[in-house]
Structures are given as structure tokens and as C-alpha cells.
Amino acid sequence: MLIEIRNVYKIYGEGLESEVRALDGVSLAIDRGEFVAIVGQSGSGKSTMMNVLGCLDIPTRGDYFLDGTDVRELTDKELSRIRNKQIGFIFQQYNLIQSLTVLENVELPLIYQGIGADRRRELALQALDRVGLSERIKHKPVEMSGGQQQRVAIARAIATSPPIIMADEPTGALDSHTGQEVLRFLQQLNREGSTVILITHDNGIAATARRCVRLQDGKIVEDRQQEVDWL
């Protein structure tokens, strides 16, 4: 089992009258190589779920095992290493550094891994070639369309060849055609062996995953396998 959470709570303001249970006793297991959509409306807990699964936040209570490792026992430095080496993040707002070139943005996680300059450039160029941006490496994000910026973000996420890809509303800022291209690429990564976790509020987007986990008020209300029409 690659990912397993058991009876996980994430509580804000615990014990106060205004207490919010963003996750309320959630249990979930994800096998290596799965493509899972976590779907729910605003306030359902889906973003909190991604933050917990992505080691960006620690549960208030409950257990989280990532590839057999008890995440709650790890130091901040160890959590940072997991985020850098084992998980590739794709966000709705791209999170690119505007002052850096496309190539420099993609090289960033490789710098954090301590990879030498020549190898770092080679890996970044390979990732950019995969997303069709090898001719735009010297451009700044501000010079690119939203779809191109999202492809840069994808290249950055896959440059380290992480086993897990987490995409939080990756098509939310894109037109429908460009969004389909992004979803198609996530499906391709899954076919190649990556475990993909897609966070979305859109049932149509969730339908591109092999499995759908639906959240409501911090609880899992549905978890089912589904037939997928590959894009």
C-alpha cells in the first residue's frame, strides 16, 4: 500500500465553540499506480485532504503511512525531503516564480535535491520537452499563456520523476480545450506508472480518473471504481 490514512481528523480551533472539523475521521488507502479523484464542493475538506496526503500539513489525530513510513513521526526536514523527492505538486495558480525563466523554474526542485548543474539542466530540459515547451526555456512566465504556464508547472512537478503526482484543481484557471490537454497528460503519467491524485470540485473532471472518492463535510461519502474514457 502506497498511501494509507486511518481515522484521520484535521481540526481547527479544537475545543472552541467555533471548532471546524475539516477532516472528520477519514480512512483511505491508495495503491501504487492508482489514478484517484478526490471530489467535493467548497468546504468539503478536499483541499485539507490534499495537504495532509502531500505532507504539507499534519493530522490533528489519526495515522498516516506513506510507503510504510509513519508520517506523524517525521521531522520538518524529513517531511520537506518527502515533498521534494516523492511528490510532484500541480496547483491551479501554477505557483511559478515570475522573475525566473521557464528553465530556472523547472530546475528549482532539482536544486533543492542537490543535483549538479549539468544533470539538473538535462532533467529540466527533458521535462520541458515532454510538455512541448523546449523552445520556450528562456521565456518568463508573464510572457506565456495560462495553458503554457500550467505546462511549465507540470514539467516542474515531473522533473524529479516522483512516484506520486498531486494535482489541485489543475484545470481551474484554463479554458476547456487546454484543460483537456492537462487531464490527458495526467492520464498519460498514470499509464506510465505514476500514482495520480486529482483534487477537483467538478464531476466531469473527476470522471477522468479510475477511482472517485467523494468528500462532504469532512467525511468520505462515496468511494468507487469507475469506467474511464481515456482522453
Protein backbone atom coordinates (compact mmCIF):
# COMPACT_ATOMS: atom_id res chain seq x y z
CA MET A 1 0.00 0.00 0.00
CA LEU A 2 1.49 3.35 -1.03
CA ILE A 3 -0.79 5.66 0.97
CA GLU A 4 -2.90 4.79 4.00
CA ILE A 5 -4.69 7.12 6.41
CA ARG A 6 -6.62 5.74 9.34
CA ASN A 7 -9.31 7.62 11.24
CA VAL A 8 -7.74 10.99 10.43
CA TYR A 9 -9.04 14.25 11.86
CA LYS A 10 -7.91 17.75 10.98
CA ILE A 11 -9.49 20.13 13.45
CA TYR A 12 -9.11 23.90 13.54
CA GLY A 13 -9.86 25.61 16.84
CA GLU A 14 -10.23 22.28 18.65
CA GLY A 15 -12.29 22.60 21.80
CA LEU A 16 -13.63 26.03 20.90
CA GLU A 17 -17.22 26.85 20.08
CA SER A 18 -16.03 27.74 16.56
CA GLU A 19 -14.24 24.36 16.10
CA VAL A 20 -14.07 23.25 12.46
CA ARG A 21 -13.50 19.60 11.55
CA ALA A 22 -12.06 19.91 8.04
CA LEU A 23 -11.46 16.14 8.11
CA ASP A 24 -13.69 14.13 10.41
CA GLY A 25 -12.50 10.57 11.00
CA VAL A 26 -11.39 9.80 7.43
CA SER A 27 -9.81 6.49 6.39
CA LEU A 28 -8.43 5.91 2.90
CA ALA A 29 -5.95 3.59 1.19
CA ILE A 30 -4.39 4.21 -2.23
CA ASP A 31 -2.35 1.59 -4.06
CA ARG A 32 0.73 2.32 -6.12
CA GLY A 33 -0.24 3.19 -9.70
CA GLU A 34 -3.82 4.29 -9.00
CA PHE A 35 -5.47 7.38 -10.50
CA VAL A 36 -7.80 8.76 -7.82
CA ALA A 37 -10.03 11.83 -7.99
CA ILE A 38 -10.95 13.38 -4.66
CA VAL A 39 -14.05 15.41 -5.37
CA GLY A 40 -16.24 17.72 -3.31
CA GLN A 41 -17.68 21.19 -3.15
CA SER A 42 -16.08 24.14 -1.38
CA GLY A 43 -15.74 23.36 2.32
CA SER A 44 -15.96 19.60 1.84
CA GLY A 45 -12.39 19.03 3.08
CA LYS A 46 -10.79 18.07 -0.23
CA SER A 47 -8.00 20.67 -0.11
CA THR A 48 -7.27 19.74 3.50
CA MET A 49 -7.10 16.12 2.37
CA MET A 50 -4.51 17.02 -0.27
CA ASN A 51 -2.47 19.00 2.24
CA VAL A 52 -2.42 16.01 4.59
CA LEU A 53 -1.66 13.44 1.87
CA GLY A 54 1.01 15.74 0.42
CA CYS A 55 2.74 16.15 3.80
CA LEU A 56 2.01 19.89 3.73
CA ASP A 57 0.02 19.54 6.95
CA ILE A 58 -0.12 17.03 9.81
CA PRO A 59 -3.38 15.47 11.06
CA THR A 60 -4.71 16.56 14.43
CA ARG A 61 -5.44 12.92 15.19
CA GLY A 62 -5.16 9.62 13.36
CA ASP A 63 -2.45 7.79 11.44
CA TYR A 64 -0.85 8.42 8.05
CA PHE A 65 1.52 5.91 6.48
CA LEU A 66 3.29 6.84 3.26
CA ASP A 67 5.00 3.86 1.66
CA GLY A 68 5.13 2.26 5.11
CA THR A 69 6.52 5.33 6.88
CA ASP A 70 4.60 6.87 9.78
CA VAL A 71 4.37 10.49 8.61
CA ARG A 72 3.44 11.84 12.03
CA GLU A 73 6.82 10.70 13.41
CA LEU A 74 8.86 12.65 10.85
CA THR A 75 10.73 15.91 11.43
CA ASP A 76 10.08 19.02 9.35
CA LYS A 77 13.28 18.33 7.42
CA GLU A 78 12.21 14.77 6.66
CA LEU A 79 8.77 15.96 5.55
CA SER A 80 10.41 18.51 3.26
CA ARG A 81 12.55 15.76 1.73
CA ILE A 82 9.44 13.65 1.05
CA ARG A 83 7.67 16.60 -0.60
CA ASN A 84 10.70 17.25 -2.78
CA LYS A 85 11.54 13.70 -3.83
CA GLN A 86 8.37 11.64 -3.64
CA ILE A 87 5.56 14.06 -4.57
CA GLY A 88 5.12 16.32 -7.57
CA PHE A 89 2.60 19.12 -6.96
CA ILE A 90 0.50 20.83 -9.62
CA PHE A 91 -1.61 23.77 -8.43
CA GLN A 92 -4.42 25.77 -10.00
CA GLN A 93 -2.46 29.03 -9.85
CA TYR A 94 0.79 27.50 -11.18
CA ASN A 95 2.98 28.99 -8.36
CA LEU A 96 5.75 29.93 -10.78
CA ILE A 97 8.37 32.50 -9.84
CA GLN A 98 7.85 35.38 -12.24
CA SER A 99 11.43 36.65 -12.11
CA LEU A 100 12.85 33.30 -13.25
CA THR A 101 12.89 31.82 -16.74
CA VAL A 102 10.91 28.72 -17.61
CA LEU A 103 14.06 26.59 -17.35
CA GLU A 104 15.01 28.08 -13.99
CA ASN A 105 11.50 27.43 -12.60
CA VAL A 106 11.70 23.77 -13.57
CA GLU A 107 15.22 23.44 -12.14
CA LEU A 108 14.16 24.66 -8.68
CA PRO A 109 13.16 21.29 -7.13
CA LEU A 110 16.33 19.77 -8.57
CA ILE A 111 18.40 22.44 -6.85
CA TYR A 112 16.70 21.56 -3.55
CA GLN A 113 17.72 17.93 -4.15
CA GLY A 114 21.35 18.97 -4.52
CA ILE A 115 21.63 17.80 -8.14
CA GLY A 116 24.59 19.24 -10.03
CA ALA A 117 24.13 21.96 -12.64
CA ASP A 118 24.69 19.83 -15.77
CA ARG A 119 22.41 17.00 -14.68
CA ARG A 120 19.87 19.49 -13.38
CA ARG A 121 19.68 21.22 -16.76
CA GLU A 122 19.40 17.88 -18.54
CA LEU A 123 16.46 16.73 -16.39
CA ALA A 124 14.69 20.09 -16.68
CA LEU A 125 15.07 20.12 -20.46
CA GLN A 126 13.72 16.58 -20.67
CA ALA A 127 10.66 17.55 -18.62
CA LEU A 128 10.03 20.66 -20.73
CA ASP A 129 10.34 18.64 -23.91
CA ARG A 130 7.69 16.23 -22.60
CA VAL A 131 5.20 19.08 -22.21
CA GLY A 132 6.12 20.66 -25.55
CA LEU A 133 7.94 23.73 -24.28
CA SER A 134 11.54 23.05 -25.24
CA GLU A 135 11.51 26.15 -27.46
CA ARG A 136 10.38 28.46 -24.63
CA ILE A 137 13.01 27.79 -21.99
CA LYS A 138 14.28 31.40 -21.88
CA HIS A 139 10.85 32.98 -21.55
CA LYS A 140 9.45 34.33 -18.29
CA PRO A 141 6.02 33.14 -17.08
CA VAL A 142 4.49 36.57 -17.76
CA GLU A 143 5.26 36.07 -21.46
CA MET A 144 3.22 32.87 -21.65
CA SER A 145 -0.44 31.89 -21.79
CA GLY A 146 -2.18 30.25 -18.84
CA GLY A 147 -2.01 26.87 -20.54
CA GLN A 148 1.70 27.23 -21.17
CA GLN A 149 2.31 28.27 -17.57
CA GLN A 150 0.43 25.21 -16.36
CA ARG A 151 2.60 23.04 -18.60
CA VAL A 152 5.68 24.64 -17.01
CA ALA A 153 4.21 23.74 -13.61
CA ILE A 154 3.70 20.16 -14.79
CA ALA A 155 7.27 19.99 -16.07
CA ARG A 156 8.49 21.21 -12.68
CA ALA A 157 6.38 18.56 -10.95
CA ILE A 158 7.70 15.67 -13.07
CA ALA A 159 11.35 16.78 -13.37
CA THR A 160 12.34 14.75 -10.33
CA SER A 161 10.36 11.69 -11.54
CA PRO A 162 8.33 11.50 -8.30
CA PRO A 163 6.21 8.37 -7.82
CA ILE A 164 3.21 10.49 -6.75
CA ILE A 165 1.61 13.38 -8.63
CA MET A 166 -0.88 15.56 -6.72
CA ALA A 167 -2.92 17.97 -8.82
CA ASP A 168 -5.10 20.51 -7.02
CA GLU A 169 -7.76 21.89 -9.42
CA PRO A 170 -5.13 21.88 -12.22
CA THR A 171 -7.62 22.99 -14.90
CA GLY A 172 -9.43 25.63 -12.83
CA ALA A 173 -7.72 28.61 -14.48
CA LEU A 174 -7.78 27.19 -18.01
CA ASP A 175 -10.20 27.11 -20.92
CA SER A 176 -11.87 23.77 -21.62
CA HIS A 177 -9.58 22.77 -24.52
CA THR A 178 -6.39 23.48 -22.60
CA GLY A 179 -7.84 21.81 -19.52
CA GLN A 180 -8.45 18.65 -21.55
CA GLU A 181 -4.79 18.68 -22.60
CA VAL A 182 -3.71 18.84 -18.94
CA LEU A 183 -6.03 15.97 -17.98
CA ARG A 184 -4.78 13.93 -20.94
CA PHE A 185 -1.23 14.42 -19.72
CA LEU A 186 -2.16 13.28 -16.20
CA GLN A 187 -3.70 10.14 -17.68
CA GLN A 188 -0.51 9.55 -19.65
CA LEU A 189 1.60 9.87 -16.49
CA ASN A 190 -0.67 7.34 -14.82
CA ARG A 191 -0.31 4.91 -17.71
CA GLU A 192 3.45 5.20 -17.30
CA GLY A 193 3.20 4.16 -13.65
CA SER A 194 2.74 7.36 -11.64
CA THR A 195 0.20 7.41 -8.84
CA VAL A 196 -2.03 10.40 -9.59
CA ILE A 197 -4.27 12.13 -7.04
CA LEU A 198 -6.54 14.74 -8.59
CA ILE A 199 -8.41 17.24 -6.39
CA THR A 200 -11.48 18.79 -8.02
CA HIS A 201 -14.99 20.12 -7.44
CA ASP A 202 -16.02 19.15 -10.98
CA ASN A 203 -17.73 15.80 -11.54
CA GLY A 204 -16.77 15.84 -15.22
CA ILE A 205 -13.10 16.20 -14.38
CA ALA A 206 -13.39 13.53 -11.68
CA ALA A 207 -14.73 11.19 -14.37
CA THR A 208 -11.27 11.09 -16.00
CA ALA A 209 -9.90 9.11 -13.01
CA ARG A 210 -10.22 5.38 -12.46
CA ARG A 211 -11.48 5.89 -8.91
CA CYS A 212 -13.62 8.60 -7.36
CA VAL A 213 -13.58 9.48 -3.66
CA ARG A 214 -16.28 11.98 -2.72
CA LEU A 215 -15.99 14.18 0.37
CA GLN A 216 -18.75 16.03 2.18
CA ASP A 217 -18.38 17.92 5.46
CA GLY A 218 -15.01 16.31 6.08
CA LYS A 219 -16.25 12.74 5.62
CA ILE A 220 -15.94 10.26 2.75
CA VAL A 221 -19.46 9.65 1.47
CA GLU A 222 -18.54 7.67 -1.65
CA ASP A 223 -15.54 5.65 -2.83
CA ARG A 224 -15.97 3.78 -6.10
CA GLN A 225 -14.11 2.49 -9.12
CA GLN A 226 -15.33 3.86 -12.43
CA GLU A 227 -15.02 3.20 -16.12
CA VAL A 228 -12.85 5.82 -17.81
CA ASP A 229 -12.91 7.08 -21.38
CA TRP A 230 -9.26 7.96 -21.99
CA LEU A 231 -8.91 11.45 -23.43
